Amino acid sequence: MSRLFCVDGTNLVRTAYGYGGPAYAAQEDADTDRITVIFAQVCEEAGGDIEVELFFDGAFRALGGARPDNFRVSFTHELPADDMILDRVRSRKWSGGGSMTVVTADGDLGRMAESEGGKWLRVGHGAEIESVVRRMTRGRP
């Protein structure tokens, strides 16, 4: 069975890159596209060993790059991404699909995921995306 990761994409982008100033929206969109490409490549290389679902707050945005079958991107529209991520944790538990790991710097979301039977891969502020990916692919949340 593959390991499933639900990544709080908006949180990860803001945590890793930080923002300020009038052009933050354009920079955030560029970094969103960048991490989407990174995670797609990780999933491609991992084959069936891992699955990643990347969640972003807000409306759909076009993102570049091909996506392998074990990689999904979801935009939450009007709902907070946290709610959708927790729904995935609950769904996986109730379906008997095993545990999943939530990747976020948001302590409230991480603790809620753990209380619902998931795991939490903690991301520190300023963490490099590459170090997060290494932790995911090494199998240690």
C-alpha atoms as a PDB file:
ATOM      1  CA  MET A   1       0.000   0.000   0.000  1.00  0.00           C
ATOM      2  CA  SER A   2       1.330   3.410  -0.915  1.00  0.00           C
ATOM      3  CA  ARG A   3       1.855   6.139   1.643  1.00  0.00           C
ATOM      4  CA  LEU A   4      -0.612   9.012   1.210  1.00  0.00           C
ATOM      5  CA  PHE A   5       0.350  12.609   1.925  1.00  0.00           C
ATOM      6  CA  CYS A   6      -2.102  15.510   2.056  1.00  0.00           C
ATOM      7  CA  VAL A   7      -0.087  18.684   1.639  1.00  0.00           C
ATOM      8  CA  ASP A   8      -1.436  22.019   2.853  1.00  0.00           C
ATOM      9  CA  GLY A   9      -0.158  23.742  -0.288  1.00  0.00           C
ATOM     10  CA  THR A  10      -1.048  27.340   0.527  1.00  0.00           C
ATOM     11  CA  ASN A  11       0.505  26.972   3.976  1.00  0.00           C
ATOM     12  CA  LEU A  12       3.622  25.309   2.570  1.00  0.00           C
ATOM     13  CA  VAL A  13       4.159  28.007  -0.064  1.00  0.00           C
ATOM     14  CA  ARG A  14       3.774  30.815   2.466  1.00  0.00           C
ATOM     15  CA  THR A  15       5.892  29.047   5.075  1.00  0.00           C
ATOM     16  CA  ALA A  16       8.729  28.232   2.709  1.00  0.00           C
ATOM     17  CA  TYR A  17       8.881  31.471   0.771  1.00  0.00           C
ATOM     18  CA  GLY A  18       7.213  34.182   2.891  1.00  0.00           C
ATOM     19  CA  TYR A  19       5.598  37.228   1.330  1.00  0.00           C
ATOM     20  CA  GLY A  20       5.171  40.939   1.627  1.00  0.00           C
ATOM     21  CA  GLY A  21       4.729  43.968  -0.524  1.00  0.00           C
ATOM     22  CA  PRO A  22       2.315  44.797  -3.299  1.00  0.00           C
ATOM     23  CA  ALA A  23       3.390  41.979  -5.668  1.00  0.00           C
ATOM     24  CA  TYR A  24       2.868  39.121  -3.206  1.00  0.00           C
ATOM     25  CA  ALA A  25      -0.041  37.572  -5.175  1.00  0.00           C
ATOM     26  CA  ALA A  26       2.010  37.157  -8.359  1.00  0.00           C
ATOM     27  CA  GLN A  27       4.914  35.701  -6.385  1.00  0.00           C
ATOM     28  CA  GLU A  28       2.617  33.312  -4.523  1.00  0.00           C
ATOM     29  CA  ASP A  29       1.142  32.104  -7.826  1.00  0.00           C
ATOM     30  CA  ALA A  30       4.644  31.488  -9.214  1.00  0.00           C
ATOM     31  CA  ASP A  31       5.665  29.555  -6.094  1.00  0.00           C
ATOM     32  CA  THR A  32       2.416  27.559  -6.192  1.00  0.00           C
ATOM     33  CA  ASP A  33       3.289  26.512  -9.731  1.00  0.00           C
ATOM     34  CA  ARG A  34       6.862  25.708  -8.642  1.00  0.00           C
ATOM     35  CA  ILE A  35       5.881  23.356  -5.814  1.00  0.00           C
ATOM     36  CA  THR A  36       3.283  21.681  -8.019  1.00  0.00           C
ATOM     37  CA  VAL A  37       6.011  20.802 -10.507  1.00  0.00           C
ATOM     38  CA  ILE A  38       8.306  19.592  -7.684  1.00  0.00           C
ATOM     39  CA  PHE A  39       5.667  17.286  -6.183  1.00  0.00           C
ATOM     40  CA  ALA A  40       4.660  15.953  -9.609  1.00  0.00           C
ATOM     41  CA  GLN A  41       8.290  15.017 -10.236  1.00  0.00           C
ATOM     42  CA  VAL A  42       8.592  13.356  -6.814  1.00  0.00           C
ATOM     43  CA  CYS A  43       5.484  11.271  -7.497  1.00  0.00           C
ATOM     44  CA  GLU A  44       6.737  10.331 -10.952  1.00  0.00           C
ATOM     45  CA  GLU A  45      10.045   9.118  -9.496  1.00  0.00           C
ATOM     46  CA  ALA A  46       8.406   7.297  -6.562  1.00  0.00           C
ATOM     47  CA  GLY A  47       6.042   5.312  -8.748  1.00  0.00           C
ATOM     48  CA  GLY A  48       3.400   3.686  -6.583  1.00  0.00           C
ATOM     49  CA  ASP A  49       5.311   4.099  -3.312  1.00  0.00           C
ATOM     50  CA  ILE A  50       3.695   7.414  -2.429  1.00  0.00           C
ATOM     51  CA  GLU A  51       0.612   9.427  -3.342  1.00  0.00           C
ATOM     52  CA  VAL A  52       0.381  13.172  -2.866  1.00  0.00           C
ATOM     53  CA  GLU A  53      -2.720  15.337  -2.788  1.00  0.00           C
ATOM     54  CA  LEU A  54      -1.843  19.019  -2.770  1.00  0.00           C
ATOM     55  CA  PHE A  55      -4.547  21.373  -1.443  1.00  0.00           C
ATOM     56  CA  PHE A  56      -4.758  25.099  -2.121  1.00  0.00           C
ATOM     57  CA  ASP A  57      -7.183  27.620  -0.667  1.00  0.00           C
ATOM     58  CA  GLY A  58      -9.250  29.542  -3.180  1.00  0.00           C
ATOM     59  CA  ALA A  59     -10.468  29.225  -6.729  1.00  0.00           C
ATOM     60  CA  PHE A  60      -8.979  26.999  -9.414  1.00  0.00           C
ATOM     61  CA  ARG A  61      -5.818  28.277 -11.071  1.00  0.00           C
ATOM     62  CA  ALA A  62      -4.129  26.785 -14.105  1.00  0.00           C
ATOM     63  CA  LEU A  63      -0.835  25.138 -13.180  1.00  0.00           C
ATOM     64  CA  GLY A  64       1.904  23.944 -15.485  1.00  0.00           C
ATOM     65  CA  GLY A  65       3.411  20.523 -15.907  1.00  0.00           C
ATOM     66  CA  ALA A  66       2.174  16.992 -16.390  1.00  0.00           C
ATOM     67  CA  ARG A  67       0.707  15.081 -13.445  1.00  0.00           C
ATOM     68  CA  PRO A  68       1.230  11.385 -12.797  1.00  0.00           C
ATOM     69  CA  ASP A  69      -1.691   9.283 -11.517  1.00  0.00           C
ATOM     70  CA  ASN A  70      -0.360   9.304  -7.941  1.00  0.00           C
ATOM     71  CA  PHE A  71      -0.478  13.130  -7.742  1.00  0.00           C
ATOM     72  CA  ARG A  72      -3.582  15.287  -7.403  1.00  0.00           C
ATOM     73  CA  VAL A  73      -4.090  19.024  -6.958  1.00  0.00           C
ATOM     74  CA  SER A  74      -7.272  20.355  -5.356  1.00  0.00           C
ATOM     75  CA  PHE A  75      -8.518  23.916  -4.996  1.00  0.00           C
ATOM     76  CA  THR A  76     -11.008  24.424  -2.207  1.00  0.00           C
ATOM     77  CA  HIS A  77     -12.970  27.383  -3.622  1.00  0.00           C
ATOM     78  CA  GLU A  78     -14.887  28.798  -0.644  1.00  0.00           C
ATOM     79  CA  LEU A  79     -13.956  26.147   1.935  1.00  0.00           C
ATOM     80  CA  PRO A  80     -10.730  26.281   3.923  1.00  0.00           C
ATOM     81  CA  ALA A  81      -8.166  23.735   2.719  1.00  0.00           C
ATOM     82  CA  ASP A  82      -7.874  22.547   6.332  1.00  0.00           C
ATOM     83  CA  ASP A  83     -11.470  21.270   6.238  1.00  0.00           C
ATOM     84  CA  MET A  84     -10.901  19.323   3.039  1.00  0.00           C
ATOM     85  CA  ILE A  85      -7.649  17.856   4.358  1.00  0.00           C
ATOM     86  CA  LEU A  86      -9.330  16.695   7.572  1.00  0.00           C
ATOM     87  CA  ASP A  87     -12.157  15.174   5.523  1.00  0.00           C
ATOM     88  CA  ARG A  88      -9.545  13.145   3.608  1.00  0.00           C
ATOM     89  CA  VAL A  89      -7.972  11.962   6.893  1.00  0.00           C
ATOM     90  CA  ARG A  90     -11.380  10.844   8.194  1.00  0.00           C
ATOM     91  CA  SER A  91     -12.343   9.225   4.903  1.00  0.00           C
ATOM     92  CA  ARG A  92      -9.114   7.242   4.715  1.00  0.00           C
ATOM     93  CA  LYS A  93      -9.550   6.041   8.299  1.00  0.00           C
ATOM     94  CA  TRP A  94     -13.195   5.016   7.837  1.00  0.00           C
ATOM     95  CA  SER A  95     -12.534   3.247   4.539  1.00  0.00           C
ATOM     96  CA  GLY A  96      -9.829   1.130   6.148  1.00  0.00           C
ATOM     97  CA  GLY A  97      -7.248   2.588   3.784  1.00  0.00           C
ATOM     98  CA  GLY A  98      -4.747   3.120   6.564  1.00  0.00           C
ATOM     99  CA  SER A  99      -3.142   6.237   7.878  1.00  0.00           C
ATOM    100  CA  MET A 100      -2.212   9.313   5.946  1.00  0.00           C
ATOM    101  CA  THR A 101       0.268  12.057   6.679  1.00  0.00           C
ATOM    102  CA  VAL A 102      -0.658  15.730   6.668  1.00  0.00           C
ATOM    103  CA  VAL A 103       2.200  18.024   5.644  1.00  0.00           C
ATOM    104  CA  THR A 104       1.837  21.491   7.180  1.00  0.00           C
ATOM    105  CA  ALA A 105       3.345  24.133   9.444  1.00  0.00           C
ATOM    106  CA  ASP A 106      -0.120  24.787  10.890  1.00  0.00           C
ATOM    107  CA  GLY A 107      -0.050  23.354  14.404  1.00  0.00           C
ATOM    108  CA  ASP A 108      -3.830  23.356  14.789  1.00  0.00           C
ATOM    109  CA  LEU A 109      -4.305  21.378  11.573  1.00  0.00           C
ATOM    110  CA  GLY A 110      -1.500  18.955  12.446  1.00  0.00           C
ATOM    111  CA  ARG A 111      -2.895  18.235  15.908  1.00  0.00           C
ATOM    112  CA  MET A 112      -6.424  17.799  14.525  1.00  0.00           C
ATOM    113  CA  ALA A 113      -5.118  15.354  11.911  1.00  0.00           C
ATOM    114  CA  GLU A 114      -3.388  13.351  14.644  1.00  0.00           C
ATOM    115  CA  SER A 115      -6.548  13.325  16.775  1.00  0.00           C
ATOM    116  CA  GLU A 116      -8.450  11.966  13.736  1.00  0.00           C
ATOM    117  CA  GLY A 117      -5.952   9.117  13.279  1.00  0.00           C
ATOM    118  CA  GLY A 118      -3.550  10.707  10.806  1.00  0.00           C
ATOM    119  CA  LYS A 119       0.115  11.573  11.083  1.00  0.00           C
ATOM    120  CA  TRP A 120       1.674  15.025  10.969  1.00  0.00           C
ATOM    121  CA  LEU A 121       4.853  15.926   9.137  1.00  0.00           C
ATOM    122  CA  ARG A 122       5.798  19.220  10.770  1.00  0.00           C
ATOM    123  CA  VAL A 123       7.191  21.902   8.503  1.00  0.00           C
ATOM    124  CA  GLY A 124       9.215  24.663  10.139  1.00  0.00           C
ATOM    125  CA  HIS A 125       8.929  28.259   8.996  1.00  0.00           C
ATOM    126  CA  GLY A 126      11.465  28.938   6.273  1.00  0.00           C
ATOM    127  CA  ALA A 127      11.891  25.218   5.543  1.00  0.00           C
ATOM    128  CA  GLU A 128      13.115  24.469   2.050  1.00  0.00           C
ATOM    129  CA  ILE A 129      10.698  22.498  -0.115  1.00  0.00           C
ATOM    130  CA  GLU A 130      13.487  20.070  -0.974  1.00  0.00           C
ATOM    131  CA  SER A 131      13.990  19.171   2.711  1.00  0.00           C
ATOM    132  CA  VAL A 132      10.248  18.544   3.093  1.00  0.00           C
ATOM    133  CA  VAL A 133      10.318  16.270   0.039  1.00  0.00           C
ATOM    134  CA  ARG A 134      13.324  14.354   1.406  1.00  0.00           C
ATOM    135  CA  ARG A 135      11.489  13.730   4.676  1.00  0.00           C
ATOM    136  CA  MET A 136       8.435  12.486   2.787  1.00  0.00           C
ATOM    137  CA  THR A 137      10.361  10.105   0.554  1.00  0.00           C
ATOM    138  CA  ARG A 138      12.470   8.711   3.394  1.00  0.00           C
ATOM    139  CA  GLY A 139       9.341   7.549   5.132  1.00  0.00           C
ATOM    140  CA  ARG A 140       9.746   9.428   8.393  1.00  0.00           C
ATOM    141  CA  PRO A 141       6.968  11.920   9.146  1.00  0.00           C
END
